[in-house]
Amino acid sequence: MDKVLDFKMIDGTMTYLVEAKEGDFLFIDSLRKKEGKALGFIPKAVYESVIEKRRVANRDRWKYSKILITIDNGERTGFCYVTYAKQDLHIQQIVIQNDARRWHRAKMMLDYAENICKDLGKTAVTARVAVDLESNLFWKGCGYNIAATTTSTWLNQKESKSKRPLHYYIKYVNSLFKQP
């Protein structure tokens, strides 16, 4: 197994958190297609750039992004794509496959992302979540607050099928600001 970033006993099984590698792309692609209605659109080349640590479309995304994978019983169960190019760390996508959905797996990835935020001296962790998704309960339960509710960005409106409103969640990590 690759370098283990974190591990926890979940439902009697050890769950490991590792950074994605080339062999993980098929799992990520499959899971993002299954959960397409919940996840925002991200081109395949973006994942490939981060996983393969190579330049794509004149951008070195791997220098300011990570894709984390959870593994249970030797099987991949979820992934989290985070970016930290600006002042905040942003959760682009976080998803656990349907038969392994437990709050703890997603929370393990989120805790690790918050630690990256702290280590890099970023101000906060943010995420955009469609208002109609059950996962809004997860974000609120993890101490995130809704900073705004908007429709998709112009680019996402152009590519989005749903054009549904999004909650913009934030949790201050390294900041003089206090959580409301």
N, C-alpha and C. Protein backbone atom coordinates (compact mmCIF):
# COMPACT_ATOMS: atom_id res chain seq x y z
N MET A 1 0.85 -1.19 0.00
CA MET A 1 0.00 0.00 0.00
C MET A 1 0.90 1.25 0.00
N ASP A 2 0.37 2.32 -0.56
CA ASP A 2 1.10 3.58 -0.60
C ASP A 2 1.25 4.15 0.80
N LYS A 3 1.93 5.28 0.88
CA LYS A 3 2.10 5.95 2.16
C LYS A 3 0.73 6.28 2.75
N VAL A 4 0.48 5.81 3.95
CA VAL A 4 -0.79 6.04 4.62
C VAL A 4 -0.75 7.41 5.28
N LEU A 5 -1.73 8.25 4.93
CA LEU A 5 -1.82 9.60 5.48
C LEU A 5 -2.59 9.62 6.79
N ASP A 6 -3.56 8.70 6.92
CA ASP A 6 -4.38 8.59 8.12
C ASP A 6 -5.05 7.22 8.09
N PHE A 7 -5.55 6.77 9.23
CA PHE A 7 -6.30 5.53 9.29
C PHE A 7 -7.23 5.57 10.49
N LYS A 8 -8.37 4.89 10.36
CA LYS A 8 -9.36 4.82 11.43
C LYS A 8 -10.11 3.49 11.30
N MET A 9 -10.57 2.99 12.42
CA MET A 9 -11.42 1.81 12.43
C MET A 9 -12.85 2.31 12.21
N ILE A 10 -13.48 1.86 11.12
CA ILE A 10 -14.85 2.26 10.79
C ILE A 10 -15.65 1.00 10.52
N ASP A 11 -16.73 0.82 11.26
CA ASP A 11 -17.59 -0.36 11.11
C ASP A 11 -16.80 -1.66 11.20
N GLY A 12 -15.84 -1.72 12.10
CA GLY A 12 -15.05 -2.93 12.30
C GLY A 12 -14.00 -3.19 11.23
N THR A 13 -13.80 -2.24 10.33
CA THR A 13 -12.82 -2.37 9.26
C THR A 13 -11.86 -1.19 9.32
N MET A 14 -10.59 -1.45 9.09
CA MET A 14 -9.62 -0.36 9.06
C MET A 14 -9.76 0.39 7.74
N THR A 15 -9.95 1.70 7.83
CA THR A 15 -10.04 2.56 6.66
C THR A 15 -8.75 3.37 6.58
N TYR A 16 -8.13 3.35 5.41
CA TYR A 16 -6.88 4.06 5.18
C TYR A 16 -7.12 5.24 4.26
N LEU A 17 -6.36 6.28 4.48
CA LEU A 17 -6.39 7.45 3.61
C LEU A 17 -5.03 7.57 2.94
N VAL A 18 -5.03 7.60 1.60
CA VAL A 18 -3.79 7.71 0.83
C VAL A 18 -3.98 8.78 -0.24
N GLU A 19 -2.87 9.24 -0.80
CA GLU A 19 -2.95 10.16 -1.93
C GLU A 19 -3.14 9.33 -3.20
N ALA A 20 -3.97 9.82 -4.11
CA ALA A 20 -4.26 9.09 -5.36
C ALA A 20 -3.00 8.94 -6.20
N LYS A 21 -2.94 7.82 -6.90
CA LYS A 21 -1.85 7.56 -7.84
C LYS A 21 -2.47 7.16 -9.17
N GLU A 22 -1.64 6.96 -10.19
CA GLU A 22 -2.15 6.71 -11.55
C GLU A 22 -3.18 5.59 -11.61
N GLY A 23 -2.96 4.52 -10.89
CA GLY A 23 -3.89 3.39 -10.93
C GLY A 23 -5.26 3.69 -10.36
N ASP A 24 -5.42 4.83 -9.69
CA ASP A 24 -6.70 5.20 -9.07
C ASP A 24 -7.64 5.93 -10.01
N PHE A 25 -7.16 6.35 -11.17
CA PHE A 25 -7.98 7.16 -12.06
C PHE A 25 -9.26 6.44 -12.50
N LEU A 26 -9.18 5.16 -12.82
CA LEU A 26 -10.38 4.44 -13.27
C LEU A 26 -11.45 4.42 -12.17
N PHE A 27 -11.03 4.26 -10.92
CA PHE A 27 -11.99 4.30 -9.80
C PHE A 27 -12.62 5.69 -9.70
N ILE A 28 -11.79 6.72 -9.73
CA ILE A 28 -12.29 8.09 -9.62
C ILE A 28 -13.26 8.41 -10.76
N ASP A 29 -12.90 8.03 -11.96
CA ASP A 29 -13.74 8.29 -13.13
C ASP A 29 -15.07 7.56 -13.00
N SER A 30 -15.03 6.32 -12.57
CA SER A 30 -16.25 5.53 -12.41
C SER A 30 -17.16 6.14 -11.34
N LEU A 31 -16.58 6.50 -10.20
CA LEU A 31 -17.38 7.06 -9.10
C LEU A 31 -17.93 8.43 -9.46
N ARG A 32 -17.17 9.24 -10.14
CA ARG A 32 -17.68 10.57 -10.50
C ARG A 32 -18.82 10.46 -11.52
N LYS A 33 -18.76 9.44 -12.38
CA LYS A 33 -19.86 9.23 -13.34
C LYS A 33 -21.13 8.76 -12.62
N LYS A 34 -20.97 7.85 -11.65
CA LYS A 34 -22.12 7.35 -10.89
C LYS A 34 -22.78 8.46 -10.09
N GLU A 35 -21.98 9.38 -9.58
CA GLU A 35 -22.49 10.45 -8.71
C GLU A 35 -22.57 11.79 -9.45
N GLY A 36 -22.66 11.74 -10.75
CA GLY A 36 -22.64 12.95 -11.58
C GLY A 36 -23.68 13.99 -11.23
N LYS A 37 -24.85 13.57 -10.74
CA LYS A 37 -25.89 14.54 -10.40
C LYS A 37 -25.52 15.34 -9.16
N ALA A 38 -24.71 14.77 -8.29
CA ALA A 38 -24.31 15.45 -7.05
C ALA A 38 -23.02 16.24 -7.22
N LEU A 39 -22.15 15.79 -8.10
CA LEU A 39 -20.84 16.41 -8.26
C LEU A 39 -20.84 17.44 -9.38
N GLY A 40 -20.07 18.49 -9.19
CA GLY A 40 -19.89 19.47 -10.27
C GLY A 40 -18.99 18.87 -11.34
N PHE A 41 -19.05 19.45 -12.52
CA PHE A 41 -18.26 18.95 -13.64
C PHE A 41 -16.80 19.37 -13.52
N ILE A 42 -15.92 18.40 -13.61
CA ILE A 42 -14.48 18.65 -13.68
C ILE A 42 -13.95 17.78 -14.81
N PRO A 43 -13.25 18.34 -15.79
CA PRO A 43 -12.75 17.54 -16.92
C PRO A 43 -11.76 16.47 -16.46
N LYS A 44 -11.74 15.36 -17.19
CA LYS A 44 -10.82 14.25 -16.89
C LYS A 44 -9.38 14.72 -16.81
N ALA A 45 -9.00 15.62 -17.70
CA ALA A 45 -7.61 16.09 -17.76
C ALA A 45 -7.17 16.73 -16.44
N VAL A 46 -8.08 17.31 -15.71
CA VAL A 46 -7.74 17.92 -14.42
C VAL A 46 -7.30 16.83 -13.44
N TYR A 47 -8.08 15.76 -13.35
CA TYR A 47 -7.72 14.64 -12.47
C TYR A 47 -6.37 14.06 -12.89
N GLU A 48 -6.21 13.87 -14.19
CA GLU A 48 -4.97 13.29 -14.70
C GLU A 48 -3.76 14.17 -14.36
N SER A 49 -3.93 15.47 -14.47
CA SER A 49 -2.85 16.39 -14.16
C SER A 49 -2.41 16.24 -12.70
N VAL A 50 -3.38 16.16 -11.80
CA VAL A 50 -3.08 16.06 -10.37
C VAL A 50 -2.47 14.69 -10.04
N ILE A 51 -3.10 13.63 -10.54
CA ILE A 51 -2.65 12.28 -10.22
C ILE A 51 -1.27 11.98 -10.82
N GLU A 52 -1.09 12.35 -12.08
CA GLU A 52 0.16 12.04 -12.78
C GLU A 52 1.25 13.09 -12.56
N LYS A 53 0.89 14.16 -11.85
CA LYS A 53 1.83 15.25 -11.57
C LYS A 53 2.49 15.75 -12.85
N ARG A 54 1.63 16.15 -13.78
CA ARG A 54 2.14 16.66 -15.05
C ARG A 54 1.32 17.86 -15.51
N ARG A 55 1.94 18.67 -16.35
CA ARG A 55 1.31 19.88 -16.88
C ARG A 55 0.22 19.50 -17.89
N VAL A 56 -0.94 20.09 -17.72
CA VAL A 56 -2.04 19.92 -18.66
C VAL A 56 -2.65 21.30 -18.89
N ALA A 57 -2.85 21.65 -20.15
CA ALA A 57 -3.44 22.94 -20.53
C ALA A 57 -2.69 24.11 -19.89
N ASN A 58 -1.36 24.03 -19.94
CA ASN A 58 -0.48 25.08 -19.42
C ASN A 58 -0.65 25.35 -17.92
N ARG A 59 -1.13 24.33 -17.17
CA ARG A 59 -1.28 24.49 -15.73
C ARG A 59 -0.66 23.30 -15.02
N ASP A 60 0.01 23.58 -13.92
CA ASP A 60 0.60 22.54 -13.08
C ASP A 60 -0.28 22.34 -11.85
N ARG A 61 -1.48 21.84 -12.05
CA ARG A 61 -2.45 21.71 -10.97
C ARG A 61 -1.92 20.88 -9.80
N TRP A 62 -1.09 19.92 -10.08
CA TRP A 62 -0.57 19.05 -9.03
C TRP A 62 0.25 19.81 -8.00
N LYS A 63 0.69 21.01 -8.34
CA LYS A 63 1.47 21.80 -7.37
C LYS A 63 0.59 22.44 -6.30
N TYR A 64 -0.72 22.56 -6.58
CA TYR A 64 -1.63 23.19 -5.62
C TYR A 64 -2.93 22.39 -5.45
N SER A 65 -2.84 21.09 -5.67
CA SER A 65 -4.01 20.22 -5.53
C SER A 65 -3.61 18.85 -5.02
N LYS A 66 -4.58 18.18 -4.42
CA LYS A 66 -4.39 16.79 -4.01
C LYS A 66 -5.69 16.04 -4.24
N ILE A 67 -5.56 14.77 -4.55
CA ILE A 67 -6.72 13.90 -4.58
C ILE A 67 -6.44 12.80 -3.56
N LEU A 68 -7.33 12.70 -2.59
CA LEU A 68 -7.20 11.72 -1.53
C LEU A 68 -8.15 10.55 -1.79
N ILE A 69 -7.74 9.36 -1.38
CA ILE A 69 -8.54 8.15 -1.59
C ILE A 69 -8.71 7.43 -0.26
N THR A 70 -9.92 6.94 0.02
CA THR A 70 -10.12 6.05 1.17
C THR A 70 -10.12 4.61 0.67
N ILE A 71 -9.53 3.74 1.48
CA ILE A 71 -9.42 2.32 1.13
C ILE A 71 -9.90 1.49 2.31
N ASP A 72 -10.81 0.56 2.03
CA ASP A 72 -11.32 -0.38 3.02
C ASP A 72 -11.17 -1.79 2.46
N ASN A 73 -10.60 -2.71 3.23
CA ASN A 73 -10.42 -4.09 2.79
C ASN A 73 -9.76 -4.17 1.41
N GLY A 74 -8.81 -3.30 1.16
CA GLY A 74 -8.09 -3.30 -0.11
C GLY A 74 -8.86 -2.70 -1.28
N GLU A 75 -10.07 -2.21 -1.02
CA GLU A 75 -10.91 -1.62 -2.07
C GLU A 75 -11.05 -0.12 -1.86
N ARG A 76 -10.98 0.64 -2.93
CA ARG A 76 -11.20 2.08 -2.87
C ARG A 76 -12.68 2.34 -2.58
N THR A 77 -12.94 3.27 -1.67
CA THR A 77 -14.33 3.54 -1.31
C THR A 77 -14.74 4.99 -1.52
N GLY A 78 -13.79 5.91 -1.69
CA GLY A 78 -14.16 7.30 -1.90
C GLY A 78 -12.95 8.14 -2.28
N PHE A 79 -13.24 9.38 -2.68
CA PHE A 79 -12.15 10.30 -2.99
C PHE A 79 -12.53 11.72 -2.64
N CYS A 80 -11.51 12.54 -2.46
CA CYS A 80 -11.68 13.95 -2.17
C CYS A 80 -10.66 14.72 -2.99
N TYR A 81 -11.13 15.69 -3.75
CA TYR A 81 -10.26 16.53 -4.58
C TYR A 81 -10.22 17.91 -3.95
N VAL A 82 -9.03 18.34 -3.51
CA VAL A 82 -8.86 19.65 -2.87
C VAL A 82 -7.87 20.50 -3.66
N THR A 83 -8.11 21.81 -3.66
CA THR A 83 -7.18 22.75 -4.29
C THR A 83 -6.84 23.84 -3.26
N TYR A 84 -5.63 24.38 -3.39
CA TYR A 84 -5.20 25.40 -2.44
C TYR A 84 -4.28 26.42 -3.11
N ALA A 85 -4.68 26.90 -4.27
CA ALA A 85 -3.90 27.88 -5.02
C ALA A 85 -4.05 29.28 -4.44
N LYS A 86 -5.17 29.58 -3.86
CA LYS A 86 -5.43 30.92 -3.36
C LYS A 86 -5.34 30.93 -1.83
N GLN A 87 -5.98 31.92 -1.20
CA GLN A 87 -5.89 32.07 0.25
C GLN A 87 -6.61 30.96 1.01
N ASP A 88 -7.63 30.37 0.41
CA ASP A 88 -8.38 29.31 1.08
C ASP A 88 -8.10 27.97 0.42
N LEU A 89 -8.35 26.91 1.16
CA LEU A 89 -8.33 25.57 0.59
C LEU A 89 -9.77 25.27 0.18
N HIS A 90 -9.96 24.78 -1.04
CA HIS A 90 -11.31 24.53 -1.53
C HIS A 90 -11.52 23.04 -1.79
N ILE A 91 -12.60 22.51 -1.26
CA ILE A 91 -12.98 21.13 -1.54
C ILE A 91 -13.74 21.16 -2.87
N GLN A 92 -13.10 20.66 -3.92
CA GLN A 92 -13.75 20.62 -5.23
C GLN A 92 -14.81 19.51 -5.26
N GLN A 93 -14.43 18.35 -4.77
CA GLN A 93 -15.34 17.21 -4.74
C GLN A 93 -14.97 16.31 -3.57
N ILE A 94 -15.98 15.76 -2.94
CA ILE A 94 -15.78 14.74 -1.92
C ILE A 94 -16.94 13.76 -2.07
N VAL A 95 -16.62 12.49 -2.25
CA VAL A 95 -17.68 11.50 -2.51
C VAL A 95 -17.24 10.13 -2.01
N ILE A 96 -18.20 9.43 -1.44
CA ILE A 96 -18.00 8.05 -0.99
C ILE A 96 -18.97 7.19 -1.78
N GLN A 97 -18.49 6.02 -2.25
CA GLN A 97 -19.40 5.18 -3.03
C GLN A 97 -20.59 4.77 -2.16
N ASN A 98 -21.71 4.54 -2.81
CA ASN A 98 -22.99 4.36 -2.14
C ASN A 98 -22.97 3.27 -1.06
N ASP A 99 -22.39 2.11 -1.34
CA ASP A 99 -22.43 1.01 -0.37
C ASP A 99 -21.45 1.19 0.79
N ALA A 100 -20.63 2.24 0.77
CA ALA A 100 -19.67 2.48 1.85
C ALA A 100 -19.93 3.82 2.55
N ARG A 101 -21.06 4.44 2.26
CA ARG A 101 -21.31 5.77 2.81
C ARG A 101 -21.47 5.71 4.31
N ARG A 102 -20.54 6.36 4.94
CA ARG A 102 -20.57 6.57 6.37
C ARG A 102 -19.99 7.96 6.58
N TRP A 103 -20.51 8.65 7.54
CA TRP A 103 -20.06 9.99 7.87
C TRP A 103 -18.56 9.99 8.13
N HIS A 104 -18.05 8.93 8.76
CA HIS A 104 -16.65 8.89 9.19
C HIS A 104 -15.65 8.94 8.04
N ARG A 105 -15.94 8.30 6.92
CA ARG A 105 -15.00 8.29 5.79
C ARG A 105 -14.84 9.69 5.21
N ALA A 106 -15.95 10.35 4.98
CA ALA A 106 -15.89 11.71 4.44
C ALA A 106 -15.26 12.65 5.47
N LYS A 107 -15.56 12.46 6.73
CA LYS A 107 -14.99 13.29 7.80
C LYS A 107 -13.48 13.09 7.89
N MET A 108 -13.02 11.86 7.67
CA MET A 108 -11.59 11.59 7.69
C MET A 108 -10.88 12.38 6.59
N MET A 109 -11.46 12.41 5.40
CA MET A 109 -10.88 13.19 4.30
C MET A 109 -10.94 14.68 4.60
N LEU A 110 -12.05 15.13 5.15
CA LEU A 110 -12.22 16.54 5.47
C LEU A 110 -11.23 16.98 6.56
N ASP A 111 -11.05 16.15 7.59
CA ASP A 111 -10.08 16.48 8.65
C ASP A 111 -8.68 16.61 8.07
N TYR A 112 -8.33 15.71 7.16
CA TYR A 112 -7.00 15.78 6.54
C TYR A 112 -6.86 17.06 5.72
N ALA A 113 -7.91 17.42 4.99
CA ALA A 113 -7.89 18.66 4.20
C ALA A 113 -7.74 19.87 5.12
N GLU A 114 -8.43 19.87 6.26
CA GLU A 114 -8.30 20.98 7.21
C GLU A 114 -6.87 21.06 7.75
N ASN A 115 -6.22 19.92 7.95
CA ASN A 115 -4.83 19.92 8.40
C ASN A 115 -3.90 20.48 7.32
N ILE A 116 -4.17 20.17 6.05
CA ILE A 116 -3.39 20.77 4.96
C ILE A 116 -3.55 22.28 5.01
N CYS A 117 -4.78 22.73 5.21
CA CYS A 117 -5.08 24.17 5.29
C CYS A 117 -4.26 24.82 6.41
N LYS A 118 -4.25 24.20 7.57
CA LYS A 118 -3.48 24.72 8.71
C LYS A 118 -1.99 24.75 8.39
N ASP A 119 -1.49 23.63 7.86
CA ASP A 119 -0.05 23.53 7.57
C ASP A 119 0.42 24.56 6.55
N LEU A 120 -0.44 24.86 5.57
CA LEU A 120 -0.08 25.82 4.52
C LEU A 120 -0.37 27.27 4.92
N GLY A 121 -0.99 27.46 6.08
CA GLY A 121 -1.31 28.81 6.53
C GLY A 121 -2.45 29.45 5.77
N LYS A 122 -3.30 28.63 5.18
CA LYS A 122 -4.47 29.16 4.47
C LYS A 122 -5.49 29.63 5.49
N THR A 123 -6.40 30.50 5.08
CA THR A 123 -7.36 31.11 6.00
C THR A 123 -8.51 30.17 6.36
N ALA A 124 -9.09 29.50 5.36
CA ALA A 124 -10.32 28.74 5.60
C ALA A 124 -10.43 27.59 4.60
N VAL A 125 -11.36 26.70 4.90
CA VAL A 125 -11.73 25.62 3.98
C VAL A 125 -13.12 25.97 3.46
N THR A 126 -13.29 25.86 2.14
CA THR A 126 -14.57 26.19 1.52
C THR A 126 -15.05 25.04 0.64
N ALA A 127 -16.34 25.06 0.35
CA ALA A 127 -16.94 24.07 -0.56
C ALA A 127 -18.25 24.64 -1.10
N ARG A 128 -18.58 24.24 -2.31
CA ARG A 128 -19.88 24.59 -2.89
C ARG A 128 -20.71 23.32 -2.98
N VAL A 129 -21.96 23.38 -2.51
CA VAL A 129 -22.82 22.20 -2.45
C VAL A 129 -24.21 22.60 -2.95
N ALA A 130 -24.75 21.82 -3.88
CA ALA A 130 -26.11 22.08 -4.37
C ALA A 130 -27.08 22.05 -3.19
N VAL A 131 -28.01 22.99 -3.16
CA VAL A 131 -28.90 23.15 -2.01
C VAL A 131 -29.81 21.96 -1.78
N ASP A 132 -30.05 21.15 -2.81
CA ASP A 132 -30.99 20.04 -2.68
C ASP A 132 -30.34 18.72 -2.24
N LEU A 133 -29.04 18.74 -1.96
CA LEU A 133 -28.35 17.50 -1.61
C LEU A 133 -28.38 17.24 -0.11
N GLU A 134 -28.48 15.97 0.23
CA GLU A 134 -28.46 15.53 1.63
C GLU A 134 -27.14 15.89 2.31
N SER A 135 -26.08 16.01 1.52
CA SER A 135 -24.76 16.28 2.08
C SER A 135 -24.68 17.64 2.78
N ASN A 136 -25.66 18.50 2.60
CA ASN A 136 -25.67 19.77 3.33
C ASN A 136 -25.68 19.52 4.84
N LEU A 137 -26.33 18.45 5.27
CA LEU A 137 -26.34 18.09 6.69
C LEU A 137 -24.93 17.74 7.17
N PHE A 138 -24.16 17.08 6.32
CA PHE A 138 -22.78 16.73 6.65
C PHE A 138 -21.97 17.99 6.89
N TRP A 139 -22.03 18.94 5.96
CA TRP A 139 -21.23 20.16 6.08
C TRP A 139 -21.60 20.95 7.33
N LYS A 140 -22.88 21.07 7.61
CA LYS A 140 -23.31 21.78 8.81
C LYS A 140 -22.85 21.03 10.06
N GLY A 141 -22.95 19.70 10.04
CA GLY A 141 -22.53 18.88 11.18
C GLY A 141 -21.04 18.94 11.44
N CYS A 142 -20.26 19.30 10.44
CA CYS A 142 -18.80 19.41 10.57
C CYS A 142 -18.35 20.82 10.92
N GLY A 143 -19.32 21.69 11.24
CA GLY A 143 -18.97 23.04 11.68
C GLY A 143 -18.82 24.07 10.58
N TYR A 144 -19.30 23.76 9.38
CA TYR A 144 -19.23 24.70 8.27
C TYR A 144 -20.48 25.56 8.26
N ASN A 145 -20.31 26.80 7.86
CA ASN A 145 -21.42 27.75 7.81
C ASN A 145 -21.65 28.19 6.37
N ILE A 146 -22.90 28.47 6.05
CA ILE A 146 -23.22 28.97 4.71
C ILE A 146 -22.87 30.44 4.65
N ALA A 147 -21.92 30.78 3.78
CA ALA A 147 -21.51 32.17 3.61
C ALA A 147 -22.35 32.86 2.55
N ALA A 148 -22.85 32.08 1.58
CA ALA A 148 -23.66 32.64 0.50
C ALA A 148 -24.41 31.51 -0.19
N THR A 149 -25.45 31.87 -0.88
CA THR A 149 -26.16 30.92 -1.74
C THR A 149 -26.25 31.59 -3.11
N THR A 150 -25.73 30.90 -4.11
CA THR A 150 -25.66 31.47 -5.45
C THR A 150 -26.06 30.41 -6.47
N THR A 151 -26.24 30.86 -7.69
CA THR A 151 -26.37 29.91 -8.78
C THR A 151 -24.96 29.58 -9.25
N SER A 152 -24.83 28.62 -10.10
CA SER A 152 -23.51 28.19 -10.58
C SER A 152 -22.74 29.36 -11.16
N THR A 153 -21.42 29.24 -11.18
CA THR A 153 -20.59 30.25 -11.82
C THR A 153 -20.92 30.28 -13.31
N TRP A 154 -20.49 31.30 -14.01
CA TRP A 154 -20.79 31.40 -15.43
C TRP A 154 -20.33 30.16 -16.18
N LEU A 155 -19.12 29.70 -15.91
CA LEU A 155 -18.60 28.52 -16.61
C LEU A 155 -19.45 27.30 -16.29
N ASN A 156 -19.79 27.12 -15.01
CA ASN A 156 -20.61 25.96 -14.65
C ASN A 156 -22.02 26.07 -15.21
N GLN A 157 -22.57 27.28 -15.33
CA GLN A 157 -23.90 27.43 -15.91
C GLN A 157 -23.86 26.99 -17.38
N LYS A 158 -22.76 27.30 -18.03
CA LYS A 158 -22.63 26.94 -19.44
C LYS A 158 -22.58 25.42 -19.60
N GLU A 159 -21.89 24.74 -18.69
CA GLU A 159 -21.72 23.30 -18.79
C GLU A 159 -22.71 22.50 -17.94
N SER A 160 -23.33 23.15 -16.96
CA SER A 160 -24.19 22.45 -16.01
C SER A 160 -25.51 22.03 -16.66
N LYS A 161 -25.96 20.86 -16.25
CA LYS A 161 -27.26 20.39 -16.72
C LYS A 161 -28.37 20.89 -15.81
N SER A 162 -28.07 21.04 -14.52
CA SER A 162 -29.13 21.35 -13.56
C SER A 162 -29.32 22.85 -13.31
N LYS A 163 -28.25 23.63 -13.36
CA LYS A 163 -28.30 25.06 -13.08
C LYS A 163 -28.96 25.36 -11.74
N ARG A 164 -28.79 24.47 -10.77
CA ARG A 164 -29.42 24.64 -9.47
C ARG A 164 -28.58 25.53 -8.55
N PRO A 165 -29.21 26.12 -7.55
CA PRO A 165 -28.47 26.98 -6.63
C PRO A 165 -27.49 26.17 -5.77
N LEU A 166 -26.44 26.86 -5.32
CA LEU A 166 -25.39 26.24 -4.52
C LEU A 166 -25.20 27.01 -3.22
N HIS A 167 -25.00 26.26 -2.12
CA HIS A 167 -24.56 26.87 -0.87
C HIS A 167 -23.04 26.94 -0.93
N TYR A 168 -22.50 28.05 -0.51
CA TYR A 168 -21.05 28.23 -0.41
C TYR A 168 -20.72 28.12 1.07
N TYR A 169 -20.09 27.00 1.45
CA TYR A 169 -19.75 26.75 2.85
C TYR A 169 -18.34 27.22 3.15
N ILE A 170 -18.14 27.65 4.40
CA ILE A 170 -16.81 28.07 4.84
C ILE A 170 -16.61 27.69 6.31
N LYS A 171 -15.37 27.35 6.60
CA LYS A 171 -14.95 27.12 7.99
C LYS A 171 -13.57 27.74 8.12
N TYR A 172 -13.46 28.73 9.02
CA TYR A 172 -12.18 29.39 9.23
C TYR A 172 -11.27 28.49 10.04
N VAL A 173 -10.04 28.37 9.58
CA VAL A 173 -9.07 27.48 10.22
C VAL A 173 -7.90 28.29 10.79
N ASN A 174 -7.24 29.07 9.97
CA ASN A 174 -6.12 29.93 10.37
C ASN A 174 -6.53 31.36 10.17
N SER A 175 -7.32 31.89 11.04
CA SER A 175 -7.84 33.22 10.78
C SER A 175 -8.12 33.95 12.08
N LEU A 176 -8.07 35.27 12.00
CA LEU A 176 -8.47 36.09 13.13
C LEU A 176 -9.99 36.15 13.21
N PHE A 177 -10.66 35.79 12.09
CA PHE A 177 -12.12 35.78 12.07
C PHE A 177 -12.63 34.61 12.89
N LYS A 178 -13.75 34.80 13.50
CA LYS A 178 -14.38 33.73 14.28
C LYS A 178 -15.54 33.15 13.48
N GLN A 179 -15.79 31.88 13.71
CA GLN A 179 -16.96 31.26 13.09
C GLN A 179 -18.20 31.96 13.63
N PRO A 180 -19.18 32.24 12.77
CA PRO A 180 -20.41 32.89 13.27
C PRO A 180 -21.17 31.94 14.17
